[in-house]
Amino acid sequence: RWQRGIAAGLAPLDLTHVQFVLLA
């Protein structure tokens, strides 16, 4: 459930969750 929320939050920024973690 949490991962679905993260994916939805990052979608407009064109980032996957793993891309986000490594970029951040």
PDBML (XML) file of the C-alpha atoms, coordinates in Angstrom:
<?xml version="1.0" encoding="UTF-8" ?>
<PDBx:datablock datablockName="MODEL"
   xmlns:PDBx="http://pdbml.pdb.org/schema/pdbx-v50.xsd"
   xmlns:xsi="http://www.w3.org/2001/XMLSchema-instance"
   xsi:schemaLocation="http://pdbml.pdb.org/schema/pdbx-v50.xsd pdbx-v50.xsd">
   <PDBx:atom_siteCategory>
      <PDBx:atom_site id="1">
         <PDBx:B_iso_or_equiv>0.00</PDBx:B_iso_or_equiv>
         <PDBx:Cartn_x>0.000</PDBx:Cartn_x>
         <PDBx:Cartn_y>0.000</PDBx:Cartn_y>
         <PDBx:Cartn_z>0.000</PDBx:Cartn_z>
         <PDBx:auth_asym_id>A</PDBx:auth_asym_id>
         <PDBx:auth_atom_id>CA</PDBx:auth_atom_id>
         <PDBx:auth_comp_id>ARG</PDBx:auth_comp_id>
         <PDBx:auth_seq_id>1</PDBx:auth_seq_id>
         <PDBx:group_PDB>ATOM</PDBx:group_PDB>
         <PDBx:label_alt_id xsi:nil="true" />
         <PDBx:label_asym_id>A</PDBx:label_asym_id>
         <PDBx:label_atom_id>CA</PDBx:label_atom_id>
         <PDBx:label_comp_id>ARG</PDBx:label_comp_id>
         <PDBx:label_entity_id>1</PDBx:label_entity_id>
         <PDBx:label_seq_id>1</PDBx:label_seq_id>
         <PDBx:occupancy>1.00</PDBx:occupancy>
         <PDBx:pdbx_PDB_model_num>1</PDBx:pdbx_PDB_model_num>
         <PDBx:type_symbol>C</PDBx:type_symbol>
      </PDBx:atom_site>
      <PDBx:atom_site id="2">
         <PDBx:B_iso_or_equiv>0.00</PDBx:B_iso_or_equiv>
         <PDBx:Cartn_x>2.819</PDBx:Cartn_x>
         <PDBx:Cartn_y>2.408</PDBx:Cartn_y>
         <PDBx:Cartn_z>0.898</PDBx:Cartn_z>
         <PDBx:auth_asym_id>A</PDBx:auth_asym_id>
         <PDBx:auth_atom_id>CA</PDBx:auth_atom_id>
         <PDBx:auth_comp_id>TRP</PDBx:auth_comp_id>
         <PDBx:auth_seq_id>2</PDBx:auth_seq_id>
         <PDBx:group_PDB>ATOM</PDBx:group_PDB>
         <PDBx:label_alt_id xsi:nil="true" />
         <PDBx:label_asym_id>A</PDBx:label_asym_id>
         <PDBx:label_atom_id>CA</PDBx:label_atom_id>
         <PDBx:label_comp_id>TRP</PDBx:label_comp_id>
         <PDBx:label_entity_id>1</PDBx:label_entity_id>
         <PDBx:label_seq_id>2</PDBx:label_seq_id>
         <PDBx:occupancy>1.00</PDBx:occupancy>
         <PDBx:pdbx_PDB_model_num>1</PDBx:pdbx_PDB_model_num>
         <PDBx:type_symbol>C</PDBx:type_symbol>
      </PDBx:atom_site>
      <PDBx:atom_site id="3">
         <PDBx:B_iso_or_equiv>0.00</PDBx:B_iso_or_equiv>
         <PDBx:Cartn_x>4.710</PDBx:Cartn_x>
         <PDBx:Cartn_y>1.604</PDBx:Cartn_y>
         <PDBx:Cartn_z>-2.333</PDBx:Cartn_z>
         <PDBx:auth_asym_id>A</PDBx:auth_asym_id>
         <PDBx:auth_atom_id>CA</PDBx:auth_atom_id>
         <PDBx:auth_comp_id>GLN</PDBx:auth_comp_id>
         <PDBx:auth_seq_id>3</PDBx:auth_seq_id>
         <PDBx:group_PDB>ATOM</PDBx:group_PDB>
         <PDBx:label_alt_id xsi:nil="true" />
         <PDBx:label_asym_id>A</PDBx:label_asym_id>
         <PDBx:label_atom_id>CA</PDBx:label_atom_id>
         <PDBx:label_comp_id>GLN</PDBx:label_comp_id>
         <PDBx:label_entity_id>1</PDBx:label_entity_id>
         <PDBx:label_seq_id>3</PDBx:label_seq_id>
         <PDBx:occupancy>1.00</PDBx:occupancy>
         <PDBx:pdbx_PDB_model_num>1</PDBx:pdbx_PDB_model_num>
         <PDBx:type_symbol>C</PDBx:type_symbol>
      </PDBx:atom_site>
      <PDBx:atom_site id="4">
         <PDBx:B_iso_or_equiv>0.00</PDBx:B_iso_or_equiv>
         <PDBx:Cartn_x>1.598</PDBx:Cartn_x>
         <PDBx:Cartn_y>2.312</PDBx:Cartn_y>
         <PDBx:Cartn_z>-4.422</PDBx:Cartn_z>
         <PDBx:auth_asym_id>A</PDBx:auth_asym_id>
         <PDBx:auth_atom_id>CA</PDBx:auth_atom_id>
         <PDBx:auth_comp_id>ARG</PDBx:auth_comp_id>
         <PDBx:auth_seq_id>4</PDBx:auth_seq_id>
         <PDBx:group_PDB>ATOM</PDBx:group_PDB>
         <PDBx:label_alt_id xsi:nil="true" />
         <PDBx:label_asym_id>A</PDBx:label_asym_id>
         <PDBx:label_atom_id>CA</PDBx:label_atom_id>
         <PDBx:label_comp_id>ARG</PDBx:label_comp_id>
         <PDBx:label_entity_id>1</PDBx:label_entity_id>
         <PDBx:label_seq_id>4</PDBx:label_seq_id>
         <PDBx:occupancy>1.00</PDBx:occupancy>
         <PDBx:pdbx_PDB_model_num>1</PDBx:pdbx_PDB_model_num>
         <PDBx:type_symbol>C</PDBx:type_symbol>
      </PDBx:atom_site>
      <PDBx:atom_site id="5">
         <PDBx:B_iso_or_equiv>0.00</PDBx:B_iso_or_equiv>
         <PDBx:Cartn_x>1.366</PDBx:Cartn_x>
         <PDBx:Cartn_y>5.711</PDBx:Cartn_y>
         <PDBx:Cartn_z>-2.768</PDBx:Cartn_z>
         <PDBx:auth_asym_id>A</PDBx:auth_asym_id>
         <PDBx:auth_atom_id>CA</PDBx:auth_atom_id>
         <PDBx:auth_comp_id>GLY</PDBx:auth_comp_id>
         <PDBx:auth_seq_id>5</PDBx:auth_seq_id>
         <PDBx:group_PDB>ATOM</PDBx:group_PDB>
         <PDBx:label_alt_id xsi:nil="true" />
         <PDBx:label_asym_id>A</PDBx:label_asym_id>
         <PDBx:label_atom_id>CA</PDBx:label_atom_id>
         <PDBx:label_comp_id>GLY</PDBx:label_comp_id>
         <PDBx:label_entity_id>1</PDBx:label_entity_id>
         <PDBx:label_seq_id>5</PDBx:label_seq_id>
         <PDBx:occupancy>1.00</PDBx:occupancy>
         <PDBx:pdbx_PDB_model_num>1</PDBx:pdbx_PDB_model_num>
         <PDBx:type_symbol>C</PDBx:type_symbol>
      </PDBx:atom_site>
      <PDBx:atom_site id="6">
         <PDBx:B_iso_or_equiv>0.00</PDBx:B_iso_or_equiv>
         <PDBx:Cartn_x>5.044</PDBx:Cartn_x>
         <PDBx:Cartn_y>6.450</PDBx:Cartn_y>
         <PDBx:Cartn_z>-3.384</PDBx:Cartn_z>
         <PDBx:auth_asym_id>A</PDBx:auth_asym_id>
         <PDBx:auth_atom_id>CA</PDBx:auth_atom_id>
         <PDBx:auth_comp_id>ILE</PDBx:auth_comp_id>
         <PDBx:auth_seq_id>6</PDBx:auth_seq_id>
         <PDBx:group_PDB>ATOM</PDBx:group_PDB>
         <PDBx:label_alt_id xsi:nil="true" />
         <PDBx:label_asym_id>A</PDBx:label_asym_id>
         <PDBx:label_atom_id>CA</PDBx:label_atom_id>
         <PDBx:label_comp_id>ILE</PDBx:label_comp_id>
         <PDBx:label_entity_id>1</PDBx:label_entity_id>
         <PDBx:label_seq_id>6</PDBx:label_seq_id>
         <PDBx:occupancy>1.00</PDBx:occupancy>
         <PDBx:pdbx_PDB_model_num>1</PDBx:pdbx_PDB_model_num>
         <PDBx:type_symbol>C</PDBx:type_symbol>
      </PDBx:atom_site>
      <PDBx:atom_site id="7">
         <PDBx:B_iso_or_equiv>0.00</PDBx:B_iso_or_equiv>
         <PDBx:Cartn_x>4.752</PDBx:Cartn_x>
         <PDBx:Cartn_y>5.394</PDBx:Cartn_y>
         <PDBx:Cartn_z>-7.050</PDBx:Cartn_z>
         <PDBx:auth_asym_id>A</PDBx:auth_asym_id>
         <PDBx:auth_atom_id>CA</PDBx:auth_atom_id>
         <PDBx:auth_comp_id>ALA</PDBx:auth_comp_id>
         <PDBx:auth_seq_id>7</PDBx:auth_seq_id>
         <PDBx:group_PDB>ATOM</PDBx:group_PDB>
         <PDBx:label_alt_id xsi:nil="true" />
         <PDBx:label_asym_id>A</PDBx:label_asym_id>
         <PDBx:label_atom_id>CA</PDBx:label_atom_id>
         <PDBx:label_comp_id>ALA</PDBx:label_comp_id>
         <PDBx:label_entity_id>1</PDBx:label_entity_id>
         <PDBx:label_seq_id>7</PDBx:label_seq_id>
         <PDBx:occupancy>1.00</PDBx:occupancy>
         <PDBx:pdbx_PDB_model_num>1</PDBx:pdbx_PDB_model_num>
         <PDBx:type_symbol>C</PDBx:type_symbol>
      </PDBx:atom_site>
      <PDBx:atom_site id="8">
         <PDBx:B_iso_or_equiv>0.00</PDBx:B_iso_or_equiv>
         <PDBx:Cartn_x>1.727</PDBx:Cartn_x>
         <PDBx:Cartn_y>7.663</PDBx:Cartn_y>
         <PDBx:Cartn_z>-7.517</PDBx:Cartn_z>
         <PDBx:auth_asym_id>A</PDBx:auth_asym_id>
         <PDBx:auth_atom_id>CA</PDBx:auth_atom_id>
         <PDBx:auth_comp_id>ALA</PDBx:auth_comp_id>
         <PDBx:auth_seq_id>8</PDBx:auth_seq_id>
         <PDBx:group_PDB>ATOM</PDBx:group_PDB>
         <PDBx:label_alt_id xsi:nil="true" />
         <PDBx:label_asym_id>A</PDBx:label_asym_id>
         <PDBx:label_atom_id>CA</PDBx:label_atom_id>
         <PDBx:label_comp_id>ALA</PDBx:label_comp_id>
         <PDBx:label_entity_id>1</PDBx:label_entity_id>
         <PDBx:label_seq_id>8</PDBx:label_seq_id>
         <PDBx:occupancy>1.00</PDBx:occupancy>
         <PDBx:pdbx_PDB_model_num>1</PDBx:pdbx_PDB_model_num>
         <PDBx:type_symbol>C</PDBx:type_symbol>
      </PDBx:atom_site>
      <PDBx:atom_site id="9">
         <PDBx:B_iso_or_equiv>0.00</PDBx:B_iso_or_equiv>
         <PDBx:Cartn_x>3.495</PDBx:Cartn_x>
         <PDBx:Cartn_y>10.567</PDBx:Cartn_y>
         <PDBx:Cartn_z>-5.810</PDBx:Cartn_z>
         <PDBx:auth_asym_id>A</PDBx:auth_asym_id>
         <PDBx:auth_atom_id>CA</PDBx:auth_atom_id>
         <PDBx:auth_comp_id>GLY</PDBx:auth_comp_id>
         <PDBx:auth_seq_id>9</PDBx:auth_seq_id>
         <PDBx:group_PDB>ATOM</PDBx:group_PDB>
         <PDBx:label_alt_id xsi:nil="true" />
         <PDBx:label_asym_id>A</PDBx:label_asym_id>
         <PDBx:label_atom_id>CA</PDBx:label_atom_id>
         <PDBx:label_comp_id>GLY</PDBx:label_comp_id>
         <PDBx:label_entity_id>1</PDBx:label_entity_id>
         <PDBx:label_seq_id>9</PDBx:label_seq_id>
         <PDBx:occupancy>1.00</PDBx:occupancy>
         <PDBx:pdbx_PDB_model_num>1</PDBx:pdbx_PDB_model_num>
         <PDBx:type_symbol>C</PDBx:type_symbol>
      </PDBx:atom_site>
      <PDBx:atom_site id="10">
         <PDBx:B_iso_or_equiv>0.00</PDBx:B_iso_or_equiv>
         <PDBx:Cartn_x>6.602</PDBx:Cartn_x>
         <PDBx:Cartn_y>10.201</PDBx:Cartn_y>
         <PDBx:Cartn_z>-7.977</PDBx:Cartn_z>
         <PDBx:auth_asym_id>A</PDBx:auth_asym_id>
         <PDBx:auth_atom_id>CA</PDBx:auth_atom_id>
         <PDBx:auth_comp_id>LEU</PDBx:auth_comp_id>
         <PDBx:auth_seq_id>10</PDBx:auth_seq_id>
         <PDBx:group_PDB>ATOM</PDBx:group_PDB>
         <PDBx:label_alt_id xsi:nil="true" />
         <PDBx:label_asym_id>A</PDBx:label_asym_id>
         <PDBx:label_atom_id>CA</PDBx:label_atom_id>
         <PDBx:label_comp_id>LEU</PDBx:label_comp_id>
         <PDBx:label_entity_id>1</PDBx:label_entity_id>
         <PDBx:label_seq_id>10</PDBx:label_seq_id>
         <PDBx:occupancy>1.00</PDBx:occupancy>
         <PDBx:pdbx_PDB_model_num>1</PDBx:pdbx_PDB_model_num>
         <PDBx:type_symbol>C</PDBx:type_symbol>
      </PDBx:atom_site>
      <PDBx:atom_site id="11">
         <PDBx:B_iso_or_equiv>0.00</PDBx:B_iso_or_equiv>
         <PDBx:Cartn_x>4.845</PDBx:Cartn_x>
         <PDBx:Cartn_y>9.518</PDBx:Cartn_y>
         <PDBx:Cartn_z>-11.302</PDBx:Cartn_z>
         <PDBx:auth_asym_id>A</PDBx:auth_asym_id>
         <PDBx:auth_atom_id>CA</PDBx:auth_atom_id>
         <PDBx:auth_comp_id>ALA</PDBx:auth_comp_id>
         <PDBx:auth_seq_id>11</PDBx:auth_seq_id>
         <PDBx:group_PDB>ATOM</PDBx:group_PDB>
         <PDBx:label_alt_id xsi:nil="true" />
         <PDBx:label_asym_id>A</PDBx:label_asym_id>
         <PDBx:label_atom_id>CA</PDBx:label_atom_id>
         <PDBx:label_comp_id>ALA</PDBx:label_comp_id>
         <PDBx:label_entity_id>1</PDBx:label_entity_id>
         <PDBx:label_seq_id>11</PDBx:label_seq_id>
         <PDBx:occupancy>1.00</PDBx:occupancy>
         <PDBx:pdbx_PDB_model_num>1</PDBx:pdbx_PDB_model_num>
         <PDBx:type_symbol>C</PDBx:type_symbol>
      </PDBx:atom_site>
      <PDBx:atom_site id="12">
         <PDBx:B_iso_or_equiv>0.00</PDBx:B_iso_or_equiv>
         <PDBx:Cartn_x>4.375</PDBx:Cartn_x>
         <PDBx:Cartn_y>13.214</PDBx:Cartn_y>
         <PDBx:Cartn_z>-12.186</PDBx:Cartn_z>
         <PDBx:auth_asym_id>A</PDBx:auth_asym_id>
         <PDBx:auth_atom_id>CA</PDBx:auth_atom_id>
         <PDBx:auth_comp_id>PRO</PDBx:auth_comp_id>
         <PDBx:auth_seq_id>12</PDBx:auth_seq_id>
         <PDBx:group_PDB>ATOM</PDBx:group_PDB>
         <PDBx:label_alt_id xsi:nil="true" />
         <PDBx:label_asym_id>A</PDBx:label_asym_id>
         <PDBx:label_atom_id>CA</PDBx:label_atom_id>
         <PDBx:label_comp_id>PRO</PDBx:label_comp_id>
         <PDBx:label_entity_id>1</PDBx:label_entity_id>
         <PDBx:label_seq_id>12</PDBx:label_seq_id>
         <PDBx:occupancy>1.00</PDBx:occupancy>
         <PDBx:pdbx_PDB_model_num>1</PDBx:pdbx_PDB_model_num>
         <PDBx:type_symbol>C</PDBx:type_symbol>
      </PDBx:atom_site>
      <PDBx:atom_site id="13">
         <PDBx:B_iso_or_equiv>0.00</PDBx:B_iso_or_equiv>
         <PDBx:Cartn_x>8.125</PDBx:Cartn_x>
         <PDBx:Cartn_y>13.671</PDBx:Cartn_y>
         <PDBx:Cartn_z>-11.684</PDBx:Cartn_z>
         <PDBx:auth_asym_id>A</PDBx:auth_asym_id>
         <PDBx:auth_atom_id>CA</PDBx:auth_atom_id>
         <PDBx:auth_comp_id>LEU</PDBx:auth_comp_id>
         <PDBx:auth_seq_id>13</PDBx:auth_seq_id>
         <PDBx:group_PDB>ATOM</PDBx:group_PDB>
         <PDBx:label_alt_id xsi:nil="true" />
         <PDBx:label_asym_id>A</PDBx:label_asym_id>
         <PDBx:label_atom_id>CA</PDBx:label_atom_id>
         <PDBx:label_comp_id>LEU</PDBx:label_comp_id>
         <PDBx:label_entity_id>1</PDBx:label_entity_id>
         <PDBx:label_seq_id>13</PDBx:label_seq_id>
         <PDBx:occupancy>1.00</PDBx:occupancy>
         <PDBx:pdbx_PDB_model_num>1</PDBx:pdbx_PDB_model_num>
         <PDBx:type_symbol>C</PDBx:type_symbol>
      </PDBx:atom_site>
      <PDBx:atom_site id="14">
         <PDBx:B_iso_or_equiv>0.00</PDBx:B_iso_or_equiv>
         <PDBx:Cartn_x>8.950</PDBx:Cartn_x>
         <PDBx:Cartn_y>10.734</PDBx:Cartn_y>
         <PDBx:Cartn_z>-14.007</PDBx:Cartn_z>
         <PDBx:auth_asym_id>A</PDBx:auth_asym_id>
         <PDBx:auth_atom_id>CA</PDBx:auth_atom_id>
         <PDBx:auth_comp_id>ASP</PDBx:auth_comp_id>
         <PDBx:auth_seq_id>14</PDBx:auth_seq_id>
         <PDBx:group_PDB>ATOM</PDBx:group_PDB>
         <PDBx:label_alt_id xsi:nil="true" />
         <PDBx:label_asym_id>A</PDBx:label_asym_id>
         <PDBx:label_atom_id>CA</PDBx:label_atom_id>
         <PDBx:label_comp_id>ASP</PDBx:label_comp_id>
         <PDBx:label_entity_id>1</PDBx:label_entity_id>
         <PDBx:label_seq_id>14</PDBx:label_seq_id>
         <PDBx:occupancy>1.00</PDBx:occupancy>
         <PDBx:pdbx_PDB_model_num>1</PDBx:pdbx_PDB_model_num>
         <PDBx:type_symbol>C</PDBx:type_symbol>
      </PDBx:atom_site>
      <PDBx:atom_site id="15">
         <PDBx:B_iso_or_equiv>0.00</PDBx:B_iso_or_equiv>
         <PDBx:Cartn_x>10.837</PDBx:Cartn_x>
         <PDBx:Cartn_y>8.855</PDBx:Cartn_y>
         <PDBx:Cartn_z>-11.288</PDBx:Cartn_z>
         <PDBx:auth_asym_id>A</PDBx:auth_asym_id>
         <PDBx:auth_atom_id>CA</PDBx:auth_atom_id>
         <PDBx:auth_comp_id>LEU</PDBx:auth_comp_id>
         <PDBx:auth_seq_id>15</PDBx:auth_seq_id>
         <PDBx:group_PDB>ATOM</PDBx:group_PDB>
         <PDBx:label_alt_id xsi:nil="true" />
         <PDBx:label_asym_id>A</PDBx:label_asym_id>
         <PDBx:label_atom_id>CA</PDBx:label_atom_id>
         <PDBx:label_comp_id>LEU</PDBx:label_comp_id>
         <PDBx:label_entity_id>1</PDBx:label_entity_id>
         <PDBx:label_seq_id>15</PDBx:label_seq_id>
         <PDBx:occupancy>1.00</PDBx:occupancy>
         <PDBx:pdbx_PDB_model_num>1</PDBx:pdbx_PDB_model_num>
         <PDBx:type_symbol>C</PDBx:type_symbol>
      </PDBx:atom_site>
      <PDBx:atom_site id="16">
         <PDBx:B_iso_or_equiv>0.00</PDBx:B_iso_or_equiv>
         <PDBx:Cartn_x>10.521</PDBx:Cartn_x>
         <PDBx:Cartn_y>5.310</PDBx:Cartn_y>
         <PDBx:Cartn_z>-10.042</PDBx:Cartn_z>
         <PDBx:auth_asym_id>A</PDBx:auth_asym_id>
         <PDBx:auth_atom_id>CA</PDBx:auth_atom_id>
         <PDBx:auth_comp_id>THR</PDBx:auth_comp_id>
         <PDBx:auth_seq_id>16</PDBx:auth_seq_id>
         <PDBx:group_PDB>ATOM</PDBx:group_PDB>
         <PDBx:label_alt_id xsi:nil="true" />
         <PDBx:label_asym_id>A</PDBx:label_asym_id>
         <PDBx:label_atom_id>CA</PDBx:label_atom_id>
         <PDBx:label_comp_id>THR</PDBx:label_comp_id>
         <PDBx:label_entity_id>1</PDBx:label_entity_id>
         <PDBx:label_seq_id>16</PDBx:label_seq_id>
         <PDBx:occupancy>1.00</PDBx:occupancy>
         <PDBx:pdbx_PDB_model_num>1</PDBx:pdbx_PDB_model_num>
         <PDBx:type_symbol>C</PDBx:type_symbol>
      </PDBx:atom_site>
      <PDBx:atom_site id="17">
         <PDBx:B_iso_or_equiv>0.00</PDBx:B_iso_or_equiv>
         <PDBx:Cartn_x>10.898</PDBx:Cartn_x>
         <PDBx:Cartn_y>4.660</PDBx:Cartn_y>
         <PDBx:Cartn_z>-6.336</PDBx:Cartn_z>
         <PDBx:auth_asym_id>A</PDBx:auth_asym_id>
         <PDBx:auth_atom_id>CA</PDBx:auth_atom_id>
         <PDBx:auth_comp_id>HIS</PDBx:auth_comp_id>
         <PDBx:auth_seq_id>17</PDBx:auth_seq_id>
         <PDBx:group_PDB>ATOM</PDBx:group_PDB>
         <PDBx:label_alt_id xsi:nil="true" />
         <PDBx:label_asym_id>A</PDBx:label_asym_id>
         <PDBx:label_atom_id>CA</PDBx:label_atom_id>
         <PDBx:label_comp_id>HIS</PDBx:label_comp_id>
         <PDBx:label_entity_id>1</PDBx:label_entity_id>
         <PDBx:label_seq_id>17</PDBx:label_seq_id>
         <PDBx:occupancy>1.00</PDBx:occupancy>
         <PDBx:pdbx_PDB_model_num>1</PDBx:pdbx_PDB_model_num>
         <PDBx:type_symbol>C</PDBx:type_symbol>
      </PDBx:atom_site>
      <PDBx:atom_site id="18">
         <PDBx:B_iso_or_equiv>0.00</PDBx:B_iso_or_equiv>
         <PDBx:Cartn_x>14.426</PDBx:Cartn_x>
         <PDBx:Cartn_y>3.285</PDBx:Cartn_y>
         <PDBx:Cartn_z>-6.750</PDBx:Cartn_z>
         <PDBx:auth_asym_id>A</PDBx:auth_asym_id>
         <PDBx:auth_atom_id>CA</PDBx:auth_atom_id>
         <PDBx:auth_comp_id>VAL</PDBx:auth_comp_id>
         <PDBx:auth_seq_id>18</PDBx:auth_seq_id>
         <PDBx:group_PDB>ATOM</PDBx:group_PDB>
         <PDBx:label_alt_id xsi:nil="true" />
         <PDBx:label_asym_id>A</PDBx:label_asym_id>
         <PDBx:label_atom_id>CA</PDBx:label_atom_id>
         <PDBx:label_comp_id>VAL</PDBx:label_comp_id>
         <PDBx:label_entity_id>1</PDBx:label_entity_id>
         <PDBx:label_seq_id>18</PDBx:label_seq_id>
         <PDBx:occupancy>1.00</PDBx:occupancy>
         <PDBx:pdbx_PDB_model_num>1</PDBx:pdbx_PDB_model_num>
         <PDBx:type_symbol>C</PDBx:type_symbol>
      </PDBx:atom_site>
      <PDBx:atom_site id="19">
         <PDBx:B_iso_or_equiv>0.00</PDBx:B_iso_or_equiv>
         <PDBx:Cartn_x>15.416</PDBx:Cartn_x>
         <PDBx:Cartn_y>6.209</PDBx:Cartn_y>
         <PDBx:Cartn_z>-8.987</PDBx:Cartn_z>
         <PDBx:auth_asym_id>A</PDBx:auth_asym_id>
         <PDBx:auth_atom_id>CA</PDBx:auth_atom_id>
         <PDBx:auth_comp_id>GLN</PDBx:auth_comp_id>
         <PDBx:auth_seq_id>19</PDBx:auth_seq_id>
         <PDBx:group_PDB>ATOM</PDBx:group_PDB>
         <PDBx:label_alt_id xsi:nil="true" />
         <PDBx:label_asym_id>A</PDBx:label_asym_id>
         <PDBx:label_atom_id>CA</PDBx:label_atom_id>
         <PDBx:label_comp_id>GLN</PDBx:label_comp_id>
         <PDBx:label_entity_id>1</PDBx:label_entity_id>
         <PDBx:label_seq_id>19</PDBx:label_seq_id>
         <PDBx:occupancy>1.00</PDBx:occupancy>
         <PDBx:pdbx_PDB_model_num>1</PDBx:pdbx_PDB_model_num>
         <PDBx:type_symbol>C</PDBx:type_symbol>
      </PDBx:atom_site>
      <PDBx:atom_site id="20">
         <PDBx:B_iso_or_equiv>0.00</PDBx:B_iso_or_equiv>
         <PDBx:Cartn_x>14.116</PDBx:Cartn_x>
         <PDBx:Cartn_y>8.542</PDBx:Cartn_y>
         <PDBx:Cartn_z>-6.296</PDBx:Cartn_z>
         <PDBx:auth_asym_id>A</PDBx:auth_asym_id>
         <PDBx:auth_atom_id>CA</PDBx:auth_atom_id>
         <PDBx:auth_comp_id>PHE</PDBx:auth_comp_id>
         <PDBx:auth_seq_id>20</PDBx:auth_seq_id>
         <PDBx:group_PDB>ATOM</PDBx:group_PDB>
         <PDBx:label_alt_id xsi:nil="true" />
         <PDBx:label_asym_id>A</PDBx:label_asym_id>
         <PDBx:label_atom_id>CA</PDBx:label_atom_id>
         <PDBx:label_comp_id>PHE</PDBx:label_comp_id>
         <PDBx:label_entity_id>1</PDBx:label_entity_id>
         <PDBx:label_seq_id>20</PDBx:label_seq_id>
         <PDBx:occupancy>1.00</PDBx:occupancy>
         <PDBx:pdbx_PDB_model_num>1</PDBx:pdbx_PDB_model_num>
         <PDBx:type_symbol>C</PDBx:type_symbol>
      </PDBx:atom_site>
      <PDBx:atom_site id="21">
         <PDBx:B_iso_or_equiv>0.00</PDBx:B_iso_or_equiv>
         <PDBx:Cartn_x>16.074</PDBx:Cartn_x>
         <PDBx:Cartn_y>6.817</PDBx:Cartn_y>
         <PDBx:Cartn_z>-3.516</PDBx:Cartn_z>
         <PDBx:auth_asym_id>A</PDBx:auth_asym_id>
         <PDBx:auth_atom_id>CA</PDBx:auth_atom_id>
         <PDBx:auth_comp_id>VAL</PDBx:auth_comp_id>
         <PDBx:auth_seq_id>21</PDBx:auth_seq_id>
         <PDBx:group_PDB>ATOM</PDBx:group_PDB>
         <PDBx:label_alt_id xsi:nil="true" />
         <PDBx:label_asym_id>A</PDBx:label_asym_id>
         <PDBx:label_atom_id>CA</PDBx:label_atom_id>
         <PDBx:label_comp_id>VAL</PDBx:label_comp_id>
         <PDBx:label_entity_id>1</PDBx:label_entity_id>
         <PDBx:label_seq_id>21</PDBx:label_seq_id>
         <PDBx:occupancy>1.00</PDBx:occupancy>
         <PDBx:pdbx_PDB_model_num>1</PDBx:pdbx_PDB_model_num>
         <PDBx:type_symbol>C</PDBx:type_symbol>
      </PDBx:atom_site>
      <PDBx:atom_site id="22">
         <PDBx:B_iso_or_equiv>0.00</PDBx:B_iso_or_equiv>
         <PDBx:Cartn_x>19.322</PDBx:Cartn_x>
         <PDBx:Cartn_y>6.951</PDBx:Cartn_y>
         <PDBx:Cartn_z>-5.473</PDBx:Cartn_z>
         <PDBx:auth_asym_id>A</PDBx:auth_asym_id>
         <PDBx:auth_atom_id>CA</PDBx:auth_atom_id>
         <PDBx:auth_comp_id>LEU</PDBx:auth_comp_id>
         <PDBx:auth_seq_id>22</PDBx:auth_seq_id>
         <PDBx:group_PDB>ATOM</PDBx:group_PDB>
         <PDBx:label_alt_id xsi:nil="true" />
         <PDBx:label_asym_id>A</PDBx:label_asym_id>
         <PDBx:label_atom_id>CA</PDBx:label_atom_id>
         <PDBx:label_comp_id>LEU</PDBx:label_comp_id>
         <PDBx:label_entity_id>1</PDBx:label_entity_id>
         <PDBx:label_seq_id>22</PDBx:label_seq_id>
         <PDBx:occupancy>1.00</PDBx:occupancy>
         <PDBx:pdbx_PDB_model_num>1</PDBx:pdbx_PDB_model_num>
         <PDBx:type_symbol>C</PDBx:type_symbol>
      </PDBx:atom_site>
      <PDBx:atom_site id="23">
         <PDBx:B_iso_or_equiv>0.00</PDBx:B_iso_or_equiv>
         <PDBx:Cartn_x>18.808</PDBx:Cartn_x>
         <PDBx:Cartn_y>10.514</PDBx:Cartn_y>
         <PDBx:Cartn_z>-6.716</PDBx:Cartn_z>
         <PDBx:auth_asym_id>A</PDBx:auth_asym_id>
         <PDBx:auth_atom_id>CA</PDBx:auth_atom_id>
         <PDBx:auth_comp_id>LEU</PDBx:auth_comp_id>
         <PDBx:auth_seq_id>23</PDBx:auth_seq_id>
         <PDBx:group_PDB>ATOM</PDBx:group_PDB>
         <PDBx:label_alt_id xsi:nil="true" />
         <PDBx:label_asym_id>A</PDBx:label_asym_id>
         <PDBx:label_atom_id>CA</PDBx:label_atom_id>
         <PDBx:label_comp_id>LEU</PDBx:label_comp_id>
         <PDBx:label_entity_id>1</PDBx:label_entity_id>
         <PDBx:label_seq_id>23</PDBx:label_seq_id>
         <PDBx:occupancy>1.00</PDBx:occupancy>
         <PDBx:pdbx_PDB_model_num>1</PDBx:pdbx_PDB_model_num>
         <PDBx:type_symbol>C</PDBx:type_symbol>
      </PDBx:atom_site>
      <PDBx:atom_site id="24">
         <PDBx:B_iso_or_equiv>0.00</PDBx:B_iso_or_equiv>
         <PDBx:Cartn_x>17.851</PDBx:Cartn_x>
         <PDBx:Cartn_y>11.774</PDBx:Cartn_y>
         <PDBx:Cartn_z>-3.241</PDBx:Cartn_z>
         <PDBx:auth_asym_id>A</PDBx:auth_asym_id>
         <PDBx:auth_atom_id>CA</PDBx:auth_atom_id>
         <PDBx:auth_comp_id>ALA</PDBx:auth_comp_id>
         <PDBx:auth_seq_id>24</PDBx:auth_seq_id>
         <PDBx:group_PDB>ATOM</PDBx:group_PDB>
         <PDBx:label_alt_id xsi:nil="true" />
         <PDBx:label_asym_id>A</PDBx:label_asym_id>
         <PDBx:label_atom_id>CA</PDBx:label_atom_id>
         <PDBx:label_comp_id>ALA</PDBx:label_comp_id>
         <PDBx:label_entity_id>1</PDBx:label_entity_id>
         <PDBx:label_seq_id>24</PDBx:label_seq_id>
         <PDBx:occupancy>1.00</PDBx:occupancy>
         <PDBx:pdbx_PDB_model_num>1</PDBx:pdbx_PDB_model_num>
         <PDBx:type_symbol>C</PDBx:type_symbol>
      </PDBx:atom_site>
   </PDBx:atom_siteCategory>
</PDBx:datablock>
